[in-house]
């Protein structure tokens, strides 16, 4: 709220008092701790806004700047704290709760995706990583809806034949699940392989995209798959 007022030209002293701070220095300390910038530079400050989306495969944590979605992760994943820490480092911004237009667009598209009505995400995304990671993620984005490729094929396609293990590690580091479809990569023998969100989720996503018959999101089926 303070950031919004500052962007609109609010005087720093007034903004500080409006939000319960008894001095400018206390407000500056709190502001800089959150946004990484002093209030005087806050007119251009941006942060990563995060929210929860309740999906048929469990809650998803979404994060976005004002320009692009940069996080879409299963909220119960063990690596979520590490992902958020890396996100702060990569973007040099704090993560705060809230909503914005990018998050709203992502939620609408995810709703249609899980309903089987949407095949191509249009939400802008940002996914900085190492050169190798970005190479893997870029290739993932080219895998058509409803299709899969092997880790071996993926490694070969990016010019790193034999690097299946490294490719799998890069898949696991993907911070934008579903939209960057790491779930579409399987073992050479057709078995699922690994998946940070759990193999039961990977199977459900593949079933959805491949048009498997039956109730994909039956609660009992999901609960059973998660525990097996």
C-alpha atoms as a PDB file:
ATOM      1  CA  UNK A   1       0.000   0.000   0.000  1.00  0.00           C
ATOM      2  CA  UNK A   2       2.832   2.377   0.830  1.00  0.00           C
ATOM      3  CA  UNK A   3       4.516   1.567  -2.469  1.00  0.00           C
ATOM      4  CA  UNK A   4       1.320   2.406  -4.350  1.00  0.00           C
ATOM      5  CA  UNK A   5       1.080   5.762  -2.568  1.00  0.00           C
ATOM      6  CA  UNK A   6       4.722   6.574  -3.313  1.00  0.00           C
ATOM      7  CA  UNK A   7       4.253   5.713  -6.978  1.00  0.00           C
ATOM      8  CA  UNK A   8       1.305   8.110  -7.075  1.00  0.00           C
ATOM      9  CA  UNK A   9       3.470  10.913  -5.742  1.00  0.00           C
ATOM     10  CA  UNK A  10       2.663  10.728  -2.042  1.00  0.00           C
ATOM     11  CA  UNK A  11       4.984  12.567   0.310  1.00  0.00           C
ATOM     12  CA  UNK A  12       7.269  10.210   2.196  1.00  0.00           C
ATOM     13  CA  UNK A  13       6.531  11.703   5.613  1.00  0.00           C
ATOM     14  CA  UNK A  14       2.779  11.416   5.081  1.00  0.00           C
ATOM     15  CA  UNK A  15       3.048   7.855   3.802  1.00  0.00           C
ATOM     16  CA  UNK A  16       5.122   6.842   6.825  1.00  0.00           C
ATOM     17  CA  UNK A  17       2.635   8.254   9.313  1.00  0.00           C
ATOM     18  CA  UNK A  18      -0.348   6.846   7.390  1.00  0.00           C
ATOM     19  CA  UNK A  19       1.049   3.356   7.907  1.00  0.00           C
ATOM     20  CA  UNK A  20       1.767   3.648  11.615  1.00  0.00           C
ATOM     21  CA  UNK A  21       5.448   4.613  11.638  1.00  0.00           C
ATOM     22  CA  UNK A  22       6.483   7.242  14.144  1.00  0.00           C
ATOM     23  CA  UNK A  23       9.551   8.357  12.212  1.00  0.00           C
ATOM     24  CA  UNK A  24      10.859   8.486   8.674  1.00  0.00           C
ATOM     25  CA  UNK A  25      13.898   6.423   9.636  1.00  0.00           C
ATOM     26  CA  UNK A  26      11.776   3.529  10.936  1.00  0.00           C
ATOM     27  CA  UNK A  27       9.718   3.580   7.764  1.00  0.00           C
ATOM     28  CA  UNK A  28      12.830   3.689   5.569  1.00  0.00           C
ATOM     29  CA  UNK A  29      14.310   0.685   7.367  1.00  0.00           C
ATOM     30  CA  UNK A  30      11.112  -1.355   6.938  1.00  0.00           C
ATOM     31  CA  UNK A  31      10.686  -0.322   3.313  1.00  0.00           C
ATOM     32  CA  UNK A  32      14.264  -1.115   2.352  1.00  0.00           C
ATOM     33  CA  UNK A  33      14.118  -4.490   4.112  1.00  0.00           C
ATOM     34  CA  UNK A  34      11.051  -5.442   2.080  1.00  0.00           C
ATOM     35  CA  UNK A  35      11.816  -3.967  -1.325  1.00  0.00           C
ATOM     36  CA  UNK A  36      15.596  -3.653  -1.295  1.00  0.00           C
ATOM     37  CA  UNK A  37      15.362   0.077  -1.987  1.00  0.00           C
ATOM     38  CA  UNK A  38      14.846   3.221   0.043  1.00  0.00           C
ATOM     39  CA  UNK A  39      11.441   4.943  -0.227  1.00  0.00           C
ATOM     40  CA  UNK A  40      12.992   7.735  -2.266  1.00  0.00           C
ATOM     41  CA  UNK A  41      13.832   5.164  -4.940  1.00  0.00           C
ATOM     42  CA  UNK A  42      10.590   3.278  -4.442  1.00  0.00           C
ATOM     43  CA  UNK A  43       8.747   5.047  -7.217  1.00  0.00           C
ATOM     44  CA  UNK A  44      10.420   2.612  -9.611  1.00  0.00           C
ATOM     45  CA  UNK A  45      10.524  -0.362  -7.240  1.00  0.00           C
ATOM     46  CA  UNK A  46       8.980  -3.642  -8.245  1.00  0.00           C
ATOM     47  CA  UNK A  47       8.425  -6.789  -6.257  1.00  0.00           C
ATOM     48  CA  UNK A  48       7.287 -10.322  -6.921  1.00  0.00           C
ATOM     49  CA  UNK A  49       3.640 -10.641  -5.958  1.00  0.00           C
ATOM     50  CA  UNK A  50       2.575 -14.112  -4.851  1.00  0.00           C
ATOM     51  CA  UNK A  51      -0.772 -15.812  -4.424  1.00  0.00           C
ATOM     52  CA  UNK A  52      -2.270 -19.295  -4.053  1.00  0.00           C
ATOM     53  CA  UNK A  53      -4.359 -20.953  -6.765  1.00  0.00           C
ATOM     54  CA  UNK A  54      -6.500 -23.904  -5.698  1.00  0.00           C
ATOM     55  CA  UNK A  55      -6.118 -26.402  -8.528  1.00  0.00           C
ATOM     56  CA  UNK A  56      -7.535 -29.912  -8.999  1.00  0.00           C
ATOM     57  CA  UNK A  57      -4.068 -31.302  -8.190  1.00  0.00           C
ATOM     58  CA  UNK A  58      -3.605 -29.258  -5.040  1.00  0.00           C
ATOM     59  CA  UNK A  59      -2.684 -25.660  -4.229  1.00  0.00           C
ATOM     60  CA  UNK A  60      -0.263 -23.922  -6.562  1.00  0.00           C
ATOM     61  CA  UNK A  61       1.946 -21.011  -5.526  1.00  0.00           C
ATOM     62  CA  UNK A  62       2.066 -18.343  -8.241  1.00  0.00           C
ATOM     63  CA  UNK A  63       4.451 -15.401  -8.321  1.00  0.00           C
ATOM     64  CA  UNK A  64       4.738 -12.578 -10.828  1.00  0.00           C
ATOM     65  CA  UNK A  65       6.333  -9.228 -11.417  1.00  0.00           C
ATOM     66  CA  UNK A  66       4.289  -6.515 -13.078  1.00  0.00           C
ATOM     67  CA  UNK A  67       5.433  -7.884 -16.440  1.00  0.00           C
ATOM     68  CA  UNK A  68       5.689 -11.668 -16.241  1.00  0.00           C
ATOM     69  CA  UNK A  69       4.901 -14.820 -14.295  1.00  0.00           C
ATOM     70  CA  UNK A  70       8.092 -16.115 -12.685  1.00  0.00           C
ATOM     71  CA  UNK A  71       6.819 -18.818 -10.313  1.00  0.00           C
ATOM     72  CA  UNK A  72       4.255 -21.589 -10.627  1.00  0.00           C
ATOM     73  CA  UNK A  73       4.993 -24.323  -8.148  1.00  0.00           C
ATOM     74  CA  UNK A  74       3.157 -26.984  -6.159  1.00  0.00           C
ATOM     75  CA  UNK A  75       2.767 -25.431  -2.726  1.00  0.00           C
ATOM     76  CA  UNK A  76       3.527 -28.670  -0.873  1.00  0.00           C
ATOM     77  CA  UNK A  77       6.765 -29.349  -2.736  1.00  0.00           C
ATOM     78  CA  UNK A  78       9.758 -29.735  -0.433  1.00  0.00           C
ATOM     79  CA  UNK A  79      11.901 -27.486  -2.615  1.00  0.00           C
ATOM     80  CA  UNK A  80       9.487 -24.546  -2.509  1.00  0.00           C
ATOM     81  CA  UNK A  81      11.517 -22.528   0.001  1.00  0.00           C
ATOM     82  CA  UNK A  82      14.664 -22.999  -2.084  1.00  0.00           C
ATOM     83  CA  UNK A  83      12.763 -21.955  -5.213  1.00  0.00           C
ATOM     84  CA  UNK A  84      11.565 -18.741  -3.562  1.00  0.00           C
ATOM     85  CA  UNK A  85      15.081 -17.989  -2.314  1.00  0.00           C
ATOM     86  CA  UNK A  86      16.499 -18.448  -5.813  1.00  0.00           C
ATOM     87  CA  UNK A  87      13.699 -16.305  -7.187  1.00  0.00           C
ATOM     88  CA  UNK A  88      14.628 -13.429  -4.867  1.00  0.00           C
ATOM     89  CA  UNK A  89      18.250 -13.726  -5.903  1.00  0.00           C
ATOM     90  CA  UNK A  90      17.608 -13.966  -9.644  1.00  0.00           C
ATOM     91  CA  UNK A  91      15.231 -11.002  -9.757  1.00  0.00           C
ATOM     92  CA  UNK A  92      16.758  -9.064  -6.852  1.00  0.00           C
ATOM     93  CA  UNK A  93      13.273  -8.400  -5.516  1.00  0.00           C
ATOM     94  CA  UNK A  94      11.279  -9.309  -2.459  1.00  0.00           C
ATOM     95  CA  UNK A  95       8.303 -11.661  -2.572  1.00  0.00           C
ATOM     96  CA  UNK A  96       5.085 -10.292  -1.079  1.00  0.00           C
ATOM     97  CA  UNK A  97       1.496 -11.525  -1.122  1.00  0.00           C
ATOM     98  CA  UNK A  98      -1.052  -9.876  -3.379  1.00  0.00           C
ATOM     99  CA  UNK A  99      -2.528  -9.904  -6.869  1.00  0.00           C
ATOM    100  CA  UNK A 100      -1.803  -8.270 -10.196  1.00  0.00           C
ATOM    101  CA  UNK A 101      -2.906  -8.565 -13.825  1.00  0.00           C
ATOM    102  CA  UNK A 102      -0.334 -11.240 -14.663  1.00  0.00           C
ATOM    103  CA  UNK A 103      -1.532 -13.459 -11.808  1.00  0.00           C
ATOM    104  CA  UNK A 104      -5.153 -12.932 -12.824  1.00  0.00           C
ATOM    105  CA  UNK A 105      -4.381 -13.988 -16.396  1.00  0.00           C
ATOM    106  CA  UNK A 106      -2.454 -17.060 -15.229  1.00  0.00           C
ATOM    107  CA  UNK A 107      -5.335 -18.127 -12.986  1.00  0.00           C
ATOM    108  CA  UNK A 108      -7.860 -17.828 -15.814  1.00  0.00           C
ATOM    109  CA  UNK A 109      -5.689 -19.874 -18.152  1.00  0.00           C
ATOM    110  CA  UNK A 110      -4.988 -22.527 -15.506  1.00  0.00           C
ATOM    111  CA  UNK A 111      -8.716 -22.847 -14.832  1.00  0.00           C
ATOM    112  CA  UNK A 112      -9.362 -23.480 -18.531  1.00  0.00           C
ATOM    113  CA  UNK A 113      -6.349 -25.808 -18.770  1.00  0.00           C
ATOM    114  CA  UNK A 114      -7.621 -28.065 -15.996  1.00  0.00           C
ATOM    115  CA  UNK A 115     -11.063 -28.011 -17.592  1.00  0.00           C
ATOM    116  CA  UNK A 116      -9.501 -29.389 -20.784  1.00  0.00           C
ATOM    117  CA  UNK A 117     -10.386 -26.244 -22.730  1.00  0.00           C
ATOM    118  CA  UNK A 118      -6.951 -24.643 -23.036  1.00  0.00           C
ATOM    119  CA  UNK A 119      -3.788 -25.932 -24.686  1.00  0.00           C
ATOM    120  CA  UNK A 120      -1.478 -22.950 -25.183  1.00  0.00           C
ATOM    121  CA  UNK A 121      -0.617 -20.595 -22.332  1.00  0.00           C
ATOM    122  CA  UNK A 122      -0.275 -16.943 -23.289  1.00  0.00           C
ATOM    123  CA  UNK A 123       0.685 -15.530 -19.902  1.00  0.00           C
ATOM    124  CA  UNK A 124       4.087 -13.788 -20.211  1.00  0.00           C
ATOM    125  CA  UNK A 125       6.768 -15.720 -18.331  1.00  0.00           C
ATOM    126  CA  UNK A 126      10.280 -14.952 -17.106  1.00  0.00           C
ATOM    127  CA  UNK A 127      12.614 -17.786 -16.148  1.00  0.00           C
ATOM    128  CA  UNK A 128      16.246 -16.723 -15.692  1.00  0.00           C
ATOM    129  CA  UNK A 129      18.665 -19.528 -14.891  1.00  0.00           C
ATOM    130  CA  UNK A 130      22.047 -20.849 -15.893  1.00  0.00           C
ATOM    131  CA  UNK A 131      22.704 -21.047 -19.656  1.00  0.00           C
ATOM    132  CA  UNK A 132      22.214 -24.826 -19.529  1.00  0.00           C
ATOM    133  CA  UNK A 133      18.971 -24.566 -17.558  1.00  0.00           C
ATOM    134  CA  UNK A 134      17.545 -21.984 -19.918  1.00  0.00           C
ATOM    135  CA  UNK A 135      18.482 -24.150 -22.889  1.00  0.00           C
ATOM    136  CA  UNK A 136      16.584 -27.089 -21.362  1.00  0.00           C
ATOM    137  CA  UNK A 137      13.568 -24.961 -20.430  1.00  0.00           C
ATOM    138  CA  UNK A 138      13.398 -23.407 -23.886  1.00  0.00           C
ATOM    139  CA  UNK A 139      13.271 -26.877 -25.423  1.00  0.00           C
ATOM    140  CA  UNK A 140      10.546 -27.920 -22.987  1.00  0.00           C
ATOM    141  CA  UNK A 141       8.395 -25.073 -24.255  1.00  0.00           C
ATOM    142  CA  UNK A 142       8.446 -26.588 -27.736  1.00  0.00           C
ATOM    143  CA  UNK A 143       6.997 -29.981 -26.696  1.00  0.00           C
ATOM    144  CA  UNK A 144       3.455 -30.040 -28.104  1.00  0.00           C
ATOM    145  CA  UNK A 145       0.428 -30.437 -25.857  1.00  0.00           C
ATOM    146  CA  UNK A 146      -0.462 -34.109 -25.513  1.00  0.00           C
ATOM    147  CA  UNK A 147       2.992 -35.375 -26.498  1.00  0.00           C
ATOM    148  CA  UNK A 148       6.047 -36.562 -24.573  1.00  0.00           C
ATOM    149  CA  UNK A 149       9.753 -36.953 -25.262  1.00  0.00           C
ATOM    150  CA  UNK A 150      12.479 -38.864 -23.453  1.00  0.00           C
ATOM    151  CA  UNK A 151      15.240 -37.396 -21.317  1.00  0.00           C
ATOM    152  CA  UNK A 152      17.653 -38.892 -23.826  1.00  0.00           C
ATOM    153  CA  UNK A 153      15.927 -37.133 -26.732  1.00  0.00           C
ATOM    154  CA  UNK A 154      15.846 -33.857 -24.831  1.00  0.00           C
ATOM    155  CA  UNK A 155      19.579 -34.040 -24.107  1.00  0.00           C
ATOM    156  CA  UNK A 156      20.311 -34.821 -27.753  1.00  0.00           C
ATOM    157  CA  UNK A 157      18.076 -32.002 -29.003  1.00  0.00           C
ATOM    158  CA  UNK A 158      20.028 -29.391 -27.063  1.00  0.00           C
ATOM    159  CA  UNK A 159      23.364 -30.726 -28.243  1.00  0.00           C
ATOM    160  CA  UNK A 160      24.239 -32.537 -25.011  1.00  0.00           C
ATOM    161  CA  UNK A 161      23.830 -36.179 -25.968  1.00  0.00           C
ATOM    162  CA  UNK A 162      24.340 -38.452 -22.983  1.00  0.00           C
ATOM    163  CA  UNK A 163      23.534 -35.729 -20.453  1.00  0.00           C
ATOM    164  CA  UNK A 164      20.190 -37.197 -19.393  1.00  0.00           C
ATOM    165  CA  UNK A 165      20.996 -36.855 -15.714  1.00  0.00           C
ATOM    166  CA  UNK A 166      21.872 -33.154 -16.076  1.00  0.00           C
ATOM    167  CA  UNK A 167      18.691 -32.618 -18.086  1.00  0.00           C
ATOM    168  CA  UNK A 168      16.681 -34.259 -15.311  1.00  0.00           C
ATOM    169  CA  UNK A 169      18.286 -31.955 -12.753  1.00  0.00           C
ATOM    170  CA  UNK A 170      17.410 -28.914 -14.872  1.00  0.00           C
ATOM    171  CA  UNK A 171      13.830 -30.169 -15.144  1.00  0.00           C
ATOM    172  CA  UNK A 172      13.683 -30.395 -11.367  1.00  0.00           C
ATOM    173  CA  UNK A 173      14.882 -26.793 -11.073  1.00  0.00           C
ATOM    174  CA  UNK A 174      12.076 -25.507 -13.312  1.00  0.00           C
ATOM    175  CA  UNK A 175      10.205 -22.803 -11.383  1.00  0.00           C
ATOM    176  CA  UNK A 176       7.205 -22.560 -13.730  1.00  0.00           C
ATOM    177  CA  UNK A 177       5.514 -25.951 -13.655  1.00  0.00           C
ATOM    178  CA  UNK A 178       2.834 -26.912 -16.192  1.00  0.00           C
ATOM    179  CA  UNK A 179       3.437 -23.853 -18.390  1.00  0.00           C
ATOM    180  CA  UNK A 180       7.068 -24.915 -18.901  1.00  0.00           C
ATOM    181  CA  UNK A 181       5.969 -28.537 -19.294  1.00  0.00           C
ATOM    182  CA  UNK A 182       8.664 -30.615 -17.630  1.00  0.00           C
ATOM    183  CA  UNK A 183       5.920 -33.200 -16.972  1.00  0.00           C
ATOM    184  CA  UNK A 184       6.078 -34.077 -20.699  1.00  0.00           C
ATOM    185  CA  UNK A 185       9.538 -35.645 -20.341  1.00  0.00           C
ATOM    186  CA  UNK A 186       9.574 -39.377 -19.576  1.00  0.00           C
ATOM    187  CA  UNK A 187      12.021 -42.261 -19.542  1.00  0.00           C
ATOM    188  CA  UNK A 188      13.096 -43.878 -22.803  1.00  0.00           C
ATOM    189  CA  UNK A 189      11.065 -46.994 -21.916  1.00  0.00           C
ATOM    190  CA  UNK A 190       7.915 -44.890 -21.513  1.00  0.00           C
ATOM    191  CA  UNK A 191       7.870 -44.934 -17.714  1.00  0.00           C
ATOM    192  CA  UNK A 192       7.241 -41.612 -16.007  1.00  0.00           C
ATOM    193  CA  UNK A 193      10.681 -41.016 -14.514  1.00  0.00           C
ATOM    194  CA  UNK A 194      10.828 -38.311 -11.846  1.00  0.00           C
ATOM    195  CA  UNK A 195       8.711 -35.255 -11.082  1.00  0.00           C
ATOM    196  CA  UNK A 196       9.108 -32.679  -8.326  1.00  0.00           C
ATOM    197  CA  UNK A 197       5.352 -32.436  -7.810  1.00  0.00           C
ATOM    198  CA  UNK A 198       5.001 -36.208  -7.412  1.00  0.00           C
ATOM    199  CA  UNK A 199       4.486 -38.906 -10.038  1.00  0.00           C
ATOM    200  CA  UNK A 200       0.755 -39.019  -9.360  1.00  0.00           C
ATOM    201  CA  UNK A 201       0.475 -35.388 -10.482  1.00  0.00           C
ATOM    202  CA  UNK A 202       2.618 -36.047 -13.531  1.00  0.00           C
ATOM    203  CA  UNK A 203       0.324 -38.905 -14.545  1.00  0.00           C
ATOM    204  CA  UNK A 204      -2.798 -36.795 -14.093  1.00  0.00           C
ATOM    205  CA  UNK A 205      -1.379 -33.942 -16.173  1.00  0.00           C
ATOM    206  CA  UNK A 206      -0.394 -36.342 -18.963  1.00  0.00           C
ATOM    207  CA  UNK A 207      -3.807 -38.040 -18.821  1.00  0.00           C
ATOM    208  CA  UNK A 208      -5.502 -34.659 -19.079  1.00  0.00           C
ATOM    209  CA  UNK A 209      -3.441 -33.609 -22.087  1.00  0.00           C
ATOM    210  CA  UNK A 210      -3.748 -36.952 -23.823  1.00  0.00           C
ATOM    211  CA  UNK A 211      -7.503 -37.022 -23.396  1.00  0.00           C
ATOM    212  CA  UNK A 212      -7.686 -40.083 -21.166  1.00  0.00           C
ATOM    213  CA  UNK A 213     -11.272 -41.118 -20.521  1.00  0.00           C
ATOM    214  CA  UNK A 214     -12.842 -41.036 -17.093  1.00  0.00           C
ATOM    215  CA  UNK A 215     -12.944 -38.514 -14.273  1.00  0.00           C
ATOM    216  CA  UNK A 216      -9.389 -37.191 -14.180  1.00  0.00           C
ATOM    217  CA  UNK A 217      -9.741 -35.346 -10.911  1.00  0.00           C
ATOM    218  CA  UNK A 218     -11.738 -37.776  -8.806  1.00  0.00           C
ATOM    219  CA  UNK A 219     -10.748 -36.953  -5.216  1.00  0.00           C
ATOM    220  CA  UNK A 220     -10.484 -40.592  -4.104  1.00  0.00           C
ATOM    221  CA  UNK A 221      -8.355 -41.502  -7.115  1.00  0.00           C
ATOM    222  CA  UNK A 222      -6.020 -38.603  -6.409  1.00  0.00           C
ATOM    223  CA  UNK A 223      -5.677 -39.415  -2.723  1.00  0.00           C
ATOM    224  CA  UNK A 224      -4.915 -43.055  -3.510  1.00  0.00           C
ATOM    225  CA  UNK A 225      -2.340 -42.122  -6.149  1.00  0.00           C
ATOM    226  CA  UNK A 226      -0.606 -39.711  -3.781  1.00  0.00           C
ATOM    227  CA  UNK A 227      -0.065 -42.339  -1.098  1.00  0.00           C
ATOM    228  CA  UNK A 228       1.020 -45.180  -3.412  1.00  0.00           C
END
